[in-house]
Amino acid sequence: MKLNVFFSSIACVPLGLALAAPLAHAADPAGDVYVGGGLSVSRTSGLGGKIDSALSSQGIGSSTSADHSSTNPNFRLGYRINPNVAVEASYDRVGKMDLQSAISSPTADSASGTWKGHGLGLHVLGIAPLDDKWSLYGRVGVERWKTSLDLASNSGGSTSYGASSSHTSLALGAGAAYAISRNVDATAELVHYNHVGDATSTGRTGLNQFNFGLRYHFM
């Protein structure tokens, strides 16, 4: 199954889980505020080619190879409205993806640099409690990403390029949570962002994040 079909299906998960309210246990928390943090493994696909396309728009011919993954911290602030619905603000980072470019025009050169980004998001979570420990959830929301691309000659040549951009991406995901105690749970999830970056300045790519974290509930 293609990823776009898979993540389009995930978009329906929060609504479906919210409609499953009668399945929730009466003891499940509602109205609580929580904070969370963890690690994200971010993966891109074909980032080098996306950067070449952006550089081409700026009159630079290139062939770029790029890292395809980065591990970074993330942070969450949420409010659980009822046992089946929560709203969540997020902060996510994509750390430095190292680049190597062979420049063919306007002059031949070799260059290295980085591509990186960070985002602020607002998401709705649909939650399906399975028992007093486990629950499944889906998320849908938007994330405002700021990305930057920096490239400089390796040999003191003329290549010097820097750009940044801000764009909003759709966020779709699904995950599972396990209650370690009344106040602490562990989470694991996969989130997809449909586009991060600008096609004509920094390069635009889809982004998959594998998130692992802990949440503390103030209740």
N, C-alpha and C. Protein backbone atom coordinates (compact mmCIF):
# COMPACT_ATOMS: atom_id res chain seq x y z
N MET A 1 0.84 -1.19 0.00
CA MET A 1 0.00 0.00 0.00
C MET A 1 0.87 1.24 0.00
N LYS A 2 0.57 2.19 -0.83
CA LYS A 2 1.36 3.40 -0.92
C LYS A 2 1.18 4.22 0.34
N LEU A 3 2.25 4.97 0.70
CA LEU A 3 2.21 5.76 1.93
C LEU A 3 1.10 6.78 1.93
N ASN A 4 0.86 7.43 0.76
CA ASN A 4 -0.17 8.46 0.76
C ASN A 4 -1.55 7.88 1.02
N VAL A 5 -1.80 6.66 0.54
CA VAL A 5 -3.08 6.00 0.83
C VAL A 5 -3.15 5.62 2.30
N PHE A 6 -2.04 5.13 2.85
CA PHE A 6 -1.99 4.74 4.25
C PHE A 6 -2.28 5.92 5.17
N PHE A 7 -1.61 7.04 4.92
CA PHE A 7 -1.79 8.18 5.81
C PHE A 7 -3.12 8.88 5.56
N SER A 8 -3.68 8.77 4.38
CA SER A 8 -5.04 9.29 4.17
C SER A 8 -6.03 8.50 5.01
N SER A 9 -5.80 7.21 5.15
CA SER A 9 -6.66 6.39 5.99
C SER A 9 -6.53 6.78 7.45
N ILE A 10 -5.30 7.09 7.87
CA ILE A 10 -5.07 7.50 9.25
C ILE A 10 -5.84 8.75 9.59
N ALA A 11 -6.07 9.61 8.59
CA ALA A 11 -6.78 10.87 8.84
C ALA A 11 -8.17 10.61 9.43
N CYS A 12 -8.74 9.47 9.17
CA CYS A 12 -10.07 9.14 9.68
C CYS A 12 -10.03 8.56 11.09
N VAL A 13 -8.83 8.24 11.58
CA VAL A 13 -8.73 7.55 12.86
C VAL A 13 -9.22 8.39 14.03
N PRO A 14 -8.80 9.69 14.18
CA PRO A 14 -9.27 10.44 15.34
C PRO A 14 -10.79 10.52 15.43
N LEU A 15 -11.46 10.74 14.29
CA LEU A 15 -12.91 10.81 14.30
C LEU A 15 -13.50 9.47 14.70
N GLY A 16 -12.98 8.40 14.15
CA GLY A 16 -13.51 7.08 14.48
C GLY A 16 -13.32 6.74 15.94
N LEU A 17 -12.17 7.10 16.50
CA LEU A 17 -11.93 6.81 17.91
C LEU A 17 -12.81 7.66 18.81
N ALA A 18 -13.03 8.92 18.42
CA ALA A 18 -13.89 9.78 19.21
C ALA A 18 -15.31 9.25 19.25
N LEU A 19 -15.76 8.64 18.14
CA LEU A 19 -17.11 8.09 18.08
C LEU A 19 -17.23 6.80 18.90
N ALA A 20 -16.07 6.27 19.32
CA ALA A 20 -16.07 5.05 20.11
C ALA A 20 -16.21 5.32 21.60
N ALA A 21 -16.71 6.51 21.98
CA ALA A 21 -16.79 6.91 23.38
C ALA A 21 -17.46 5.88 24.28
N PRO A 22 -18.51 5.20 23.83
CA PRO A 22 -19.14 4.23 24.73
C PRO A 22 -18.21 3.11 25.17
N LEU A 23 -17.09 2.90 24.44
CA LEU A 23 -16.17 1.83 24.80
C LEU A 23 -15.21 2.25 25.90
N ALA A 24 -15.18 3.55 26.21
CA ALA A 24 -14.21 4.05 27.19
C ALA A 24 -14.56 3.56 28.58
N HIS A 25 -13.55 3.35 29.39
CA HIS A 25 -13.78 2.97 30.77
C HIS A 25 -14.13 4.21 31.58
N ALA A 26 -15.03 4.07 32.52
CA ALA A 26 -15.46 5.22 33.31
C ALA A 26 -14.32 5.82 34.10
N ALA A 27 -13.30 5.01 34.41
CA ALA A 27 -12.19 5.51 35.22
C ALA A 27 -11.14 6.24 34.40
N ASP A 28 -11.25 6.23 33.10
CA ASP A 28 -10.26 6.90 32.27
C ASP A 28 -10.27 8.40 32.54
N PRO A 29 -9.09 9.06 32.52
CA PRO A 29 -9.01 10.46 32.90
C PRO A 29 -9.69 11.36 31.87
N ALA A 30 -10.24 12.46 32.37
CA ALA A 30 -10.82 13.48 31.50
C ALA A 30 -10.53 14.83 32.14
N GLY A 31 -10.32 15.83 31.32
CA GLY A 31 -10.08 17.16 31.83
C GLY A 31 -8.71 17.36 32.42
N ASP A 32 -7.73 16.49 32.10
CA ASP A 32 -6.41 16.67 32.70
C ASP A 32 -5.44 17.32 31.71
N VAL A 33 -4.50 18.04 32.28
CA VAL A 33 -3.41 18.66 31.51
C VAL A 33 -2.19 17.76 31.62
N TYR A 34 -1.46 17.61 30.52
CA TYR A 34 -0.24 16.80 30.57
C TYR A 34 0.88 17.46 29.77
N VAL A 35 2.10 17.13 30.17
CA VAL A 35 3.28 17.55 29.42
C VAL A 35 4.06 16.30 29.05
N GLY A 36 4.77 16.37 27.95
CA GLY A 36 5.52 15.21 27.50
C GLY A 36 6.76 15.59 26.73
N GLY A 37 7.63 14.65 26.61
CA GLY A 37 8.84 14.84 25.83
C GLY A 37 9.41 13.50 25.44
N GLY A 38 10.28 13.51 24.46
CA GLY A 38 10.87 12.26 24.02
C GLY A 38 11.83 12.47 22.87
N LEU A 39 12.05 11.41 22.13
CA LEU A 39 12.95 11.43 20.98
C LEU A 39 12.18 11.13 19.71
N SER A 40 12.55 11.83 18.65
CA SER A 40 11.97 11.61 17.33
C SER A 40 13.07 11.17 16.37
N VAL A 41 12.81 10.10 15.65
CA VAL A 41 13.68 9.70 14.55
C VAL A 41 12.99 10.16 13.27
N SER A 42 13.53 11.19 12.63
CA SER A 42 12.93 11.78 11.43
C SER A 42 13.60 11.21 10.19
N ARG A 43 12.78 10.83 9.21
CA ARG A 43 13.31 10.26 7.98
C ARG A 43 12.70 10.97 6.78
N THR A 44 13.55 11.34 5.83
CA THR A 44 13.11 11.95 4.59
C THR A 44 13.39 10.98 3.44
N SER A 45 12.78 11.27 2.31
CA SER A 45 12.99 10.45 1.12
C SER A 45 13.41 11.35 -0.04
N GLY A 46 14.57 11.05 -0.64
CA GLY A 46 15.03 11.80 -1.80
C GLY A 46 15.35 13.25 -1.52
N LEU A 47 15.87 13.55 -0.30
CA LEU A 47 16.15 14.95 0.04
C LEU A 47 17.18 15.57 -0.90
N GLY A 48 18.21 14.82 -1.30
CA GLY A 48 19.23 15.37 -2.18
C GLY A 48 18.64 15.89 -3.48
N GLY A 49 17.73 15.11 -4.08
CA GLY A 49 17.10 15.54 -5.33
C GLY A 49 16.21 16.76 -5.13
N LYS A 50 15.53 16.84 -3.97
CA LYS A 50 14.68 18.00 -3.69
C LYS A 50 15.53 19.26 -3.54
N ILE A 51 16.71 19.11 -2.94
CA ILE A 51 17.61 20.26 -2.81
C ILE A 51 18.16 20.67 -4.17
N ASP A 52 18.49 19.70 -5.01
CA ASP A 52 18.95 20.03 -6.37
C ASP A 52 17.88 20.82 -7.13
N SER A 53 16.61 20.46 -6.95
CA SER A 53 15.53 21.17 -7.61
C SER A 53 15.44 22.61 -7.12
N ALA A 54 15.61 22.82 -5.81
CA ALA A 54 15.59 24.17 -5.27
C ALA A 54 16.77 24.99 -5.77
N LEU A 55 17.95 24.38 -5.79
CA LEU A 55 19.14 25.11 -6.27
C LEU A 55 19.00 25.44 -7.75
N SER A 56 18.38 24.54 -8.52
CA SER A 56 18.15 24.82 -9.94
C SER A 56 17.29 26.05 -10.12
N SER A 57 16.31 26.24 -9.24
CA SER A 57 15.46 27.44 -9.31
C SER A 57 16.24 28.71 -9.04
N GLN A 58 17.40 28.56 -8.38
CA GLN A 58 18.26 29.72 -8.08
C GLN A 58 19.42 29.84 -9.07
N GLY A 59 19.39 29.05 -10.14
CA GLY A 59 20.43 29.13 -11.17
C GLY A 59 21.68 28.34 -10.85
N ILE A 60 21.58 27.38 -9.94
CA ILE A 60 22.74 26.58 -9.55
C ILE A 60 22.51 25.13 -9.98
N GLY A 61 23.39 24.61 -10.81
CA GLY A 61 23.32 23.21 -11.21
C GLY A 61 24.07 22.35 -10.22
N SER A 62 23.48 21.27 -9.75
CA SER A 62 24.13 20.49 -8.70
C SER A 62 23.66 19.04 -8.73
N SER A 63 24.46 18.21 -8.07
CA SER A 63 24.08 16.82 -7.78
C SER A 63 24.40 16.60 -6.31
N THR A 64 23.37 16.43 -5.48
CA THR A 64 23.53 16.46 -4.03
C THR A 64 23.18 15.12 -3.41
N SER A 65 24.01 14.69 -2.48
CA SER A 65 23.69 13.55 -1.62
C SER A 65 23.44 14.10 -0.22
N ALA A 66 22.47 13.51 0.49
CA ALA A 66 22.07 14.04 1.79
C ALA A 66 21.76 12.92 2.76
N ASP A 67 21.99 13.20 4.05
CA ASP A 67 21.53 12.27 5.08
C ASP A 67 20.02 12.11 4.95
N HIS A 68 19.50 10.96 5.36
CA HIS A 68 18.07 10.73 5.26
C HIS A 68 17.40 10.56 6.62
N SER A 69 18.18 10.65 7.72
CA SER A 69 17.56 10.52 9.04
C SER A 69 18.28 11.38 10.06
N SER A 70 17.55 11.72 11.11
CA SER A 70 18.08 12.56 12.19
C SER A 70 17.30 12.26 13.46
N THR A 71 17.98 12.21 14.60
CA THR A 71 17.33 11.95 15.88
C THR A 71 17.38 13.20 16.74
N ASN A 72 16.21 13.61 17.26
CA ASN A 72 16.10 14.89 17.96
C ASN A 72 15.05 14.82 19.06
N PRO A 73 15.08 15.78 20.01
CA PRO A 73 14.05 15.81 21.05
C PRO A 73 12.74 16.41 20.52
N ASN A 74 11.63 16.08 21.19
CA ASN A 74 10.36 16.72 20.92
C ASN A 74 9.66 17.01 22.24
N PHE A 75 8.69 17.92 22.21
CA PHE A 75 7.97 18.32 23.42
C PHE A 75 6.48 18.41 23.12
N ARG A 76 5.66 18.09 24.13
CA ARG A 76 4.21 18.10 23.98
C ARG A 76 3.54 18.79 25.18
N LEU A 77 2.47 19.50 24.91
CA LEU A 77 1.61 20.06 25.95
C LEU A 77 0.18 19.77 25.54
N GLY A 78 -0.55 19.01 26.37
CA GLY A 78 -1.86 18.56 25.96
C GLY A 78 -2.93 18.77 27.01
N TYR A 79 -4.17 18.69 26.55
CA TYR A 79 -5.35 18.77 27.43
C TYR A 79 -6.34 17.71 26.97
N ARG A 80 -6.66 16.79 27.86
CA ARG A 80 -7.60 15.70 27.52
C ARG A 80 -9.01 16.16 27.89
N ILE A 81 -9.80 16.43 26.87
CA ILE A 81 -11.15 16.97 27.05
C ILE A 81 -12.07 15.94 27.67
N ASN A 82 -11.98 14.71 27.20
CA ASN A 82 -12.75 13.59 27.73
C ASN A 82 -11.95 12.33 27.46
N PRO A 83 -12.42 11.15 27.88
CA PRO A 83 -11.61 9.95 27.70
C PRO A 83 -11.22 9.64 26.26
N ASN A 84 -11.91 10.23 25.29
CA ASN A 84 -11.66 9.88 23.89
C ASN A 84 -11.09 10.99 23.03
N VAL A 85 -10.99 12.21 23.56
CA VAL A 85 -10.52 13.34 22.75
C VAL A 85 -9.54 14.19 23.55
N ALA A 86 -8.42 14.54 22.92
CA ALA A 86 -7.45 15.47 23.51
C ALA A 86 -6.98 16.43 22.44
N VAL A 87 -6.53 17.60 22.88
CA VAL A 87 -5.88 18.57 21.99
C VAL A 87 -4.45 18.72 22.48
N GLU A 88 -3.54 18.93 21.53
CA GLU A 88 -2.13 18.90 21.88
C GLU A 88 -1.34 19.91 21.06
N ALA A 89 -0.48 20.67 21.74
CA ALA A 89 0.49 21.54 21.07
C ALA A 89 1.83 20.81 21.05
N SER A 90 2.57 20.99 19.98
CA SER A 90 3.81 20.23 19.83
C SER A 90 4.95 21.12 19.36
N TYR A 91 6.16 20.70 19.75
CA TYR A 91 7.38 21.29 19.21
C TYR A 91 8.25 20.14 18.73
N ASP A 92 8.65 20.20 17.45
CA ASP A 92 9.45 19.14 16.85
C ASP A 92 10.67 19.74 16.15
N ARG A 93 11.73 18.97 16.15
CA ARG A 93 12.96 19.39 15.47
C ARG A 93 13.41 18.34 14.46
N VAL A 94 13.97 18.82 13.38
CA VAL A 94 14.75 17.98 12.47
C VAL A 94 16.15 18.56 12.48
N GLY A 95 17.07 17.86 13.13
CA GLY A 95 18.43 18.37 13.26
C GLY A 95 19.16 18.40 11.93
N LYS A 96 20.41 18.73 11.98
CA LYS A 96 21.19 18.93 10.75
C LYS A 96 21.29 17.65 9.92
N MET A 97 20.80 17.76 8.69
CA MET A 97 21.03 16.72 7.68
C MET A 97 22.23 17.19 6.85
N ASP A 98 23.34 16.47 6.94
CA ASP A 98 24.55 16.87 6.22
C ASP A 98 24.41 16.63 4.72
N LEU A 99 24.97 17.56 3.94
CA LEU A 99 24.87 17.53 2.48
C LEU A 99 26.25 17.56 1.84
N GLN A 100 26.37 16.94 0.69
CA GLN A 100 27.54 17.06 -0.16
C GLN A 100 27.04 17.28 -1.59
N SER A 101 27.52 18.35 -2.23
CA SER A 101 27.04 18.71 -3.57
C SER A 101 28.20 18.85 -4.54
N ALA A 102 28.01 18.28 -5.72
CA ALA A 102 28.91 18.54 -6.85
C ALA A 102 28.25 19.61 -7.69
N ILE A 103 28.86 20.80 -7.75
CA ILE A 103 28.29 21.94 -8.45
C ILE A 103 28.81 21.96 -9.89
N SER A 104 27.87 22.04 -10.82
CA SER A 104 28.26 22.05 -12.24
C SER A 104 28.13 23.44 -12.86
N SER A 105 27.31 24.29 -12.32
CA SER A 105 27.12 25.65 -12.83
C SER A 105 26.62 26.55 -11.70
N PRO A 106 26.91 27.86 -11.76
CA PRO A 106 27.54 28.59 -12.88
C PRO A 106 29.02 28.29 -13.07
N THR A 107 29.72 27.79 -12.01
CA THR A 107 31.11 27.34 -12.15
C THR A 107 31.24 26.00 -11.43
N ALA A 108 32.15 25.17 -11.91
CA ALA A 108 32.35 23.87 -11.29
C ALA A 108 32.93 24.04 -9.89
N ASP A 109 32.40 23.27 -8.94
CA ASP A 109 32.84 23.40 -7.56
C ASP A 109 32.33 22.19 -6.78
N SER A 110 32.82 22.01 -5.58
CA SER A 110 32.23 21.04 -4.66
C SER A 110 31.87 21.80 -3.38
N ALA A 111 30.76 21.41 -2.78
CA ALA A 111 30.27 22.16 -1.63
C ALA A 111 29.67 21.20 -0.61
N SER A 112 29.62 21.66 0.63
CA SER A 112 28.98 20.90 1.70
C SER A 112 28.11 21.84 2.50
N GLY A 113 27.19 21.27 3.26
CA GLY A 113 26.30 22.12 4.03
C GLY A 113 25.32 21.31 4.85
N THR A 114 24.24 21.97 5.25
CA THR A 114 23.23 21.33 6.10
C THR A 114 21.82 21.76 5.68
N TRP A 115 20.88 20.88 5.98
CA TRP A 115 19.43 21.15 5.87
C TRP A 115 18.84 20.82 7.22
N LYS A 116 18.03 21.72 7.78
CA LYS A 116 17.45 21.46 9.10
C LYS A 116 16.13 22.21 9.24
N GLY A 117 15.38 21.88 10.28
CA GLY A 117 14.09 22.53 10.48
C GLY A 117 13.56 22.33 11.89
N HIS A 118 12.57 23.14 12.25
CA HIS A 118 11.83 22.94 13.50
C HIS A 118 10.40 23.40 13.28
N GLY A 119 9.47 22.81 14.05
CA GLY A 119 8.06 23.09 13.81
C GLY A 119 7.26 23.21 15.09
N LEU A 120 6.20 24.03 15.02
CA LEU A 120 5.21 24.17 16.08
C LEU A 120 3.87 23.69 15.54
N GLY A 121 3.18 22.84 16.30
CA GLY A 121 1.96 22.24 15.79
C GLY A 121 0.80 22.31 16.76
N LEU A 122 -0.40 22.13 16.21
CA LEU A 122 -1.63 22.01 16.99
C LEU A 122 -2.38 20.81 16.44
N HIS A 123 -2.70 19.85 17.31
CA HIS A 123 -3.23 18.56 16.88
C HIS A 123 -4.45 18.16 17.71
N VAL A 124 -5.32 17.36 17.11
CA VAL A 124 -6.43 16.72 17.82
C VAL A 124 -6.14 15.22 17.87
N LEU A 125 -6.30 14.63 19.05
CA LEU A 125 -6.08 13.20 19.23
C LEU A 125 -7.41 12.51 19.51
N GLY A 126 -7.67 11.43 18.78
CA GLY A 126 -8.79 10.55 19.08
C GLY A 126 -8.27 9.32 19.77
N ILE A 127 -8.81 8.98 20.94
CA ILE A 127 -8.23 7.98 21.82
C ILE A 127 -9.21 6.82 22.03
N ALA A 128 -8.69 5.60 21.94
CA ALA A 128 -9.49 4.40 22.20
C ALA A 128 -8.85 3.62 23.34
N PRO A 129 -9.32 3.77 24.59
CA PRO A 129 -8.78 2.96 25.70
C PRO A 129 -9.09 1.48 25.48
N LEU A 130 -8.07 0.64 25.67
CA LEU A 130 -8.26 -0.81 25.51
C LEU A 130 -8.52 -1.47 26.86
N ASP A 131 -7.79 -1.02 27.89
CA ASP A 131 -8.00 -1.49 29.26
C ASP A 131 -7.44 -0.41 30.18
N ASP A 132 -7.14 -0.74 31.43
CA ASP A 132 -6.68 0.30 32.35
C ASP A 132 -5.21 0.66 32.14
N LYS A 133 -4.52 0.00 31.21
CA LYS A 133 -3.12 0.30 30.92
C LYS A 133 -2.89 0.79 29.49
N TRP A 134 -3.49 0.14 28.54
CA TRP A 134 -3.20 0.38 27.12
C TRP A 134 -4.29 1.21 26.46
N SER A 135 -3.86 2.06 25.53
CA SER A 135 -4.80 2.78 24.67
C SER A 135 -4.15 3.02 23.32
N LEU A 136 -4.97 3.12 22.29
CA LEU A 136 -4.53 3.48 20.95
C LEU A 136 -5.03 4.88 20.65
N TYR A 137 -4.31 5.59 19.79
CA TYR A 137 -4.77 6.93 19.43
C TYR A 137 -4.33 7.28 18.01
N GLY A 138 -5.09 8.18 17.41
CA GLY A 138 -4.72 8.76 16.13
C GLY A 138 -4.64 10.26 16.29
N ARG A 139 -3.87 10.89 15.44
CA ARG A 139 -3.76 12.35 15.51
C ARG A 139 -3.91 12.96 14.12
N VAL A 140 -4.52 14.14 14.08
CA VAL A 140 -4.57 14.93 12.86
C VAL A 140 -4.39 16.39 13.27
N GLY A 141 -3.62 17.13 12.51
CA GLY A 141 -3.37 18.53 12.87
C GLY A 141 -2.55 19.23 11.82
N VAL A 142 -2.05 20.39 12.20
CA VAL A 142 -1.21 21.18 11.32
C VAL A 142 0.07 21.53 12.08
N GLU A 143 1.16 21.69 11.34
CA GLU A 143 2.45 22.03 11.92
C GLU A 143 3.08 23.13 11.07
N ARG A 144 3.52 24.17 11.73
CA ARG A 144 4.21 25.28 11.05
C ARG A 144 5.70 25.04 11.15
N TRP A 145 6.31 24.72 10.00
CA TRP A 145 7.73 24.38 9.95
C TRP A 145 8.56 25.55 9.43
N LYS A 146 9.72 25.75 10.04
CA LYS A 146 10.74 26.65 9.49
C LYS A 146 11.94 25.81 9.13
N THR A 147 12.36 25.88 7.87
CA THR A 147 13.50 25.10 7.41
C THR A 147 14.58 26.02 6.89
N SER A 148 15.81 25.53 6.88
CA SER A 148 16.93 26.31 6.35
C SER A 148 17.87 25.40 5.58
N LEU A 149 18.47 25.96 4.55
CA LEU A 149 19.46 25.28 3.72
C LEU A 149 20.68 26.17 3.62
N ASP A 150 21.85 25.63 3.95
CA ASP A 150 23.11 26.37 3.87
C ASP A 150 24.14 25.52 3.15
N LEU A 151 24.83 26.14 2.21
CA LEU A 151 25.79 25.44 1.37
C LEU A 151 26.98 26.35 1.12
N ALA A 152 28.20 25.80 1.25
CA ALA A 152 29.41 26.60 1.03
C ALA A 152 30.46 25.74 0.35
N SER A 153 31.33 26.39 -0.41
CA SER A 153 32.39 25.69 -1.15
C SER A 153 33.34 24.97 -0.21
N ASN A 154 33.80 23.80 -0.65
CA ASN A 154 34.80 23.06 0.12
C ASN A 154 36.22 23.53 -0.16
N SER A 155 36.39 24.29 -1.23
CA SER A 155 37.75 24.62 -1.68
C SER A 155 37.97 26.12 -1.81
N GLY A 156 37.12 26.92 -1.20
CA GLY A 156 37.27 28.37 -1.33
C GLY A 156 36.74 28.92 -2.63
N GLY A 157 35.90 28.13 -3.32
CA GLY A 157 35.32 28.58 -4.58
C GLY A 157 34.19 29.57 -4.37
N SER A 158 33.44 29.80 -5.42
CA SER A 158 32.42 30.85 -5.41
C SER A 158 31.09 30.40 -4.82
N THR A 159 30.93 29.09 -4.58
CA THR A 159 29.63 28.60 -4.11
C THR A 159 29.35 29.07 -2.68
N SER A 160 28.26 29.79 -2.52
CA SER A 160 27.80 30.20 -1.20
C SER A 160 26.30 30.43 -1.30
N TYR A 161 25.53 29.61 -0.59
CA TYR A 161 24.08 29.72 -0.68
C TYR A 161 23.46 29.49 0.69
N GLY A 162 22.50 30.34 1.03
CA GLY A 162 21.75 30.18 2.27
C GLY A 162 20.32 30.66 2.07
N ALA A 163 19.36 29.91 2.59
CA ALA A 163 17.96 30.28 2.46
C ALA A 163 17.17 29.67 3.61
N SER A 164 16.05 30.30 3.94
CA SER A 164 15.15 29.74 4.94
C SER A 164 13.72 29.94 4.46
N SER A 165 12.81 29.14 4.98
CA SER A 165 11.41 29.25 4.57
C SER A 165 10.51 28.79 5.71
N SER A 166 9.26 29.23 5.68
CA SER A 166 8.26 28.82 6.65
C SER A 166 7.03 28.34 5.89
N HIS A 167 6.57 27.13 6.22
CA HIS A 167 5.40 26.56 5.55
C HIS A 167 4.60 25.71 6.52
N THR A 168 3.32 25.56 6.25
CA THR A 168 2.43 24.77 7.09
C THR A 168 2.18 23.41 6.45
N SER A 169 2.29 22.37 7.26
CA SER A 169 2.11 21.00 6.78
C SER A 169 0.97 20.33 7.53
N LEU A 170 0.28 19.43 6.84
CA LEU A 170 -0.69 18.56 7.48
C LEU A 170 0.05 17.47 8.24
N ALA A 171 -0.42 17.15 9.44
CA ALA A 171 0.17 16.09 10.26
C ALA A 171 -0.86 14.99 10.47
N LEU A 172 -0.47 13.75 10.17
CA LEU A 172 -1.33 12.59 10.37
C LEU A 172 -0.52 11.51 11.07
N GLY A 173 -1.12 10.88 12.09
CA GLY A 173 -0.35 9.86 12.79
C GLY A 173 -1.21 8.91 13.59
N ALA A 174 -0.55 7.89 14.11
CA ALA A 174 -1.20 6.89 14.96
C ALA A 174 -0.19 6.35 15.93
N GLY A 175 -0.66 5.98 17.13
CA GLY A 175 0.27 5.48 18.13
C GLY A 175 -0.42 4.70 19.22
N ALA A 176 0.39 4.30 20.22
CA ALA A 176 -0.10 3.56 21.37
C ALA A 176 0.50 4.15 22.63
N ALA A 177 -0.26 4.10 23.73
CA ALA A 177 0.21 4.58 25.02
C ALA A 177 0.04 3.50 26.07
N TYR A 178 1.00 3.44 27.01
CA TYR A 178 0.95 2.48 28.11
C TYR A 178 1.11 3.21 29.42
N ALA A 179 0.16 3.05 30.34
CA ALA A 179 0.19 3.74 31.62
C ALA A 179 1.15 3.04 32.58
N ILE A 180 2.28 3.70 32.87
CA ILE A 180 3.26 3.16 33.82
C ILE A 180 2.74 3.33 35.24
N SER A 181 2.11 4.47 35.48
CA SER A 181 1.48 4.76 36.76
C SER A 181 0.27 5.63 36.49
N ARG A 182 -0.39 6.09 37.55
CA ARG A 182 -1.55 6.96 37.37
C ARG A 182 -1.20 8.24 36.62
N ASN A 183 0.02 8.75 36.85
CA ASN A 183 0.40 10.04 36.28
C ASN A 183 1.35 9.96 35.09
N VAL A 184 1.94 8.82 34.84
CA VAL A 184 2.98 8.73 33.81
C VAL A 184 2.61 7.64 32.82
N ASP A 185 2.70 7.97 31.53
CA ASP A 185 2.56 6.94 30.51
C ASP A 185 3.64 7.07 29.46
N ALA A 186 3.90 5.96 28.78
CA ALA A 186 4.88 5.91 27.71
C ALA A 186 4.14 5.81 26.37
N THR A 187 4.69 6.45 25.35
CA THR A 187 4.04 6.47 24.05
C THR A 187 5.01 6.10 22.94
N ALA A 188 4.45 5.53 21.89
CA ALA A 188 5.20 5.26 20.66
C ALA A 188 4.25 5.53 19.50
N GLU A 189 4.73 6.26 18.49
CA GLU A 189 3.84 6.63 17.40
C GLU A 189 4.60 6.90 16.12
N LEU A 190 3.87 6.90 15.02
CA LEU A 190 4.38 7.29 13.72
C LEU A 190 3.55 8.46 13.23
N VAL A 191 4.24 9.55 12.84
CA VAL A 191 3.57 10.75 12.34
C VAL A 191 4.15 11.09 10.97
N HIS A 192 3.27 11.45 10.04
CA HIS A 192 3.68 11.86 8.70
C HIS A 192 3.32 13.33 8.47
N TYR A 193 4.28 14.10 7.96
CA TYR A 193 4.06 15.48 7.53
C TYR A 193 4.16 15.51 6.02
N ASN A 194 3.12 16.04 5.36
CA ASN A 194 3.06 15.87 3.91
C ASN A 194 4.09 16.70 3.15
N HIS A 195 4.44 17.89 3.65
CA HIS A 195 5.56 18.61 3.03
C HIS A 195 6.20 19.55 4.03
N VAL A 196 7.52 19.52 4.04
CA VAL A 196 8.32 20.36 4.93
C VAL A 196 9.36 21.07 4.07
N GLY A 197 9.37 22.40 4.13
CA GLY A 197 10.30 23.18 3.32
C GLY A 197 9.64 23.79 2.10
N ASP A 198 10.41 24.57 1.36
CA ASP A 198 9.93 25.28 0.17
C ASP A 198 10.62 24.71 -1.07
N ALA A 199 9.85 24.43 -2.09
CA ALA A 199 10.38 23.76 -3.28
C ALA A 199 11.40 24.58 -4.03
N THR A 200 11.33 25.92 -3.94
CA THR A 200 12.20 26.76 -4.76
C THR A 200 13.35 27.40 -3.98
N SER A 201 13.40 27.21 -2.65
CA SER A 201 14.49 27.85 -1.89
C SER A 201 15.26 26.87 -1.01
N THR A 202 14.57 26.06 -0.22
CA THR A 202 15.27 25.14 0.68
C THR A 202 15.12 23.69 0.29
N GLY A 203 14.23 23.41 -0.64
CA GLY A 203 13.88 22.02 -0.94
C GLY A 203 12.71 21.59 -0.09
N ARG A 204 11.73 20.93 -0.71
CA ARG A 204 10.53 20.49 0.00
C ARG A 204 10.45 18.97 -0.02
N THR A 205 10.19 18.38 1.14
CA THR A 205 10.16 16.93 1.24
C THR A 205 9.06 16.49 2.19
N GLY A 206 8.58 15.27 2.02
CA GLY A 206 7.73 14.65 3.03
C GLY A 206 8.60 14.18 4.17
N LEU A 207 8.00 14.06 5.35
CA LEU A 207 8.77 13.70 6.53
C LEU A 207 7.99 12.70 7.37
N ASN A 208 8.64 11.59 7.72
CA ASN A 208 8.07 10.62 8.64
C ASN A 208 8.83 10.68 9.96
N GLN A 209 8.09 10.71 11.07
CA GLN A 209 8.72 10.74 12.39
C GLN A 209 8.25 9.54 13.21
N PHE A 210 9.21 8.83 13.78
CA PHE A 210 8.95 7.77 14.74
C PHE A 210 9.24 8.36 16.12
N ASN A 211 8.20 8.54 16.93
CA ASN A 211 8.32 9.23 18.21
C ASN A 211 8.20 8.26 19.38
N PHE A 212 9.09 8.41 20.35
CA PHE A 212 9.07 7.61 21.57
C PHE A 212 9.20 8.57 22.75
N GLY A 213 8.24 8.52 23.69
CA GLY A 213 8.30 9.51 24.75
C GLY A 213 7.56 9.12 26.00
N LEU A 214 7.58 10.05 26.96
CA LEU A 214 6.87 9.93 28.22
C LEU A 214 5.97 11.14 28.40
N ARG A 215 4.82 10.95 29.05
CA ARG A 215 3.91 12.05 29.37
C ARG A 215 3.62 12.02 30.87
N TYR A 216 3.55 13.22 31.45
CA TYR A 216 3.16 13.35 32.86
C TYR A 216 1.82 14.07 32.93
N HIS A 217 0.85 13.46 33.61
CA HIS A 217 -0.50 14.01 33.74
C HIS A 217 -0.69 14.67 35.10
N PHE A 218 -1.15 15.91 35.09
CA PHE A 218 -1.39 16.64 36.33
C PHE A 218 -2.82 16.36 36.81
N MET A 219 -2.99 15.26 37.49
CA MET A 219 -4.34 14.91 37.95
C MET A 219 -4.23 14.16 39.28
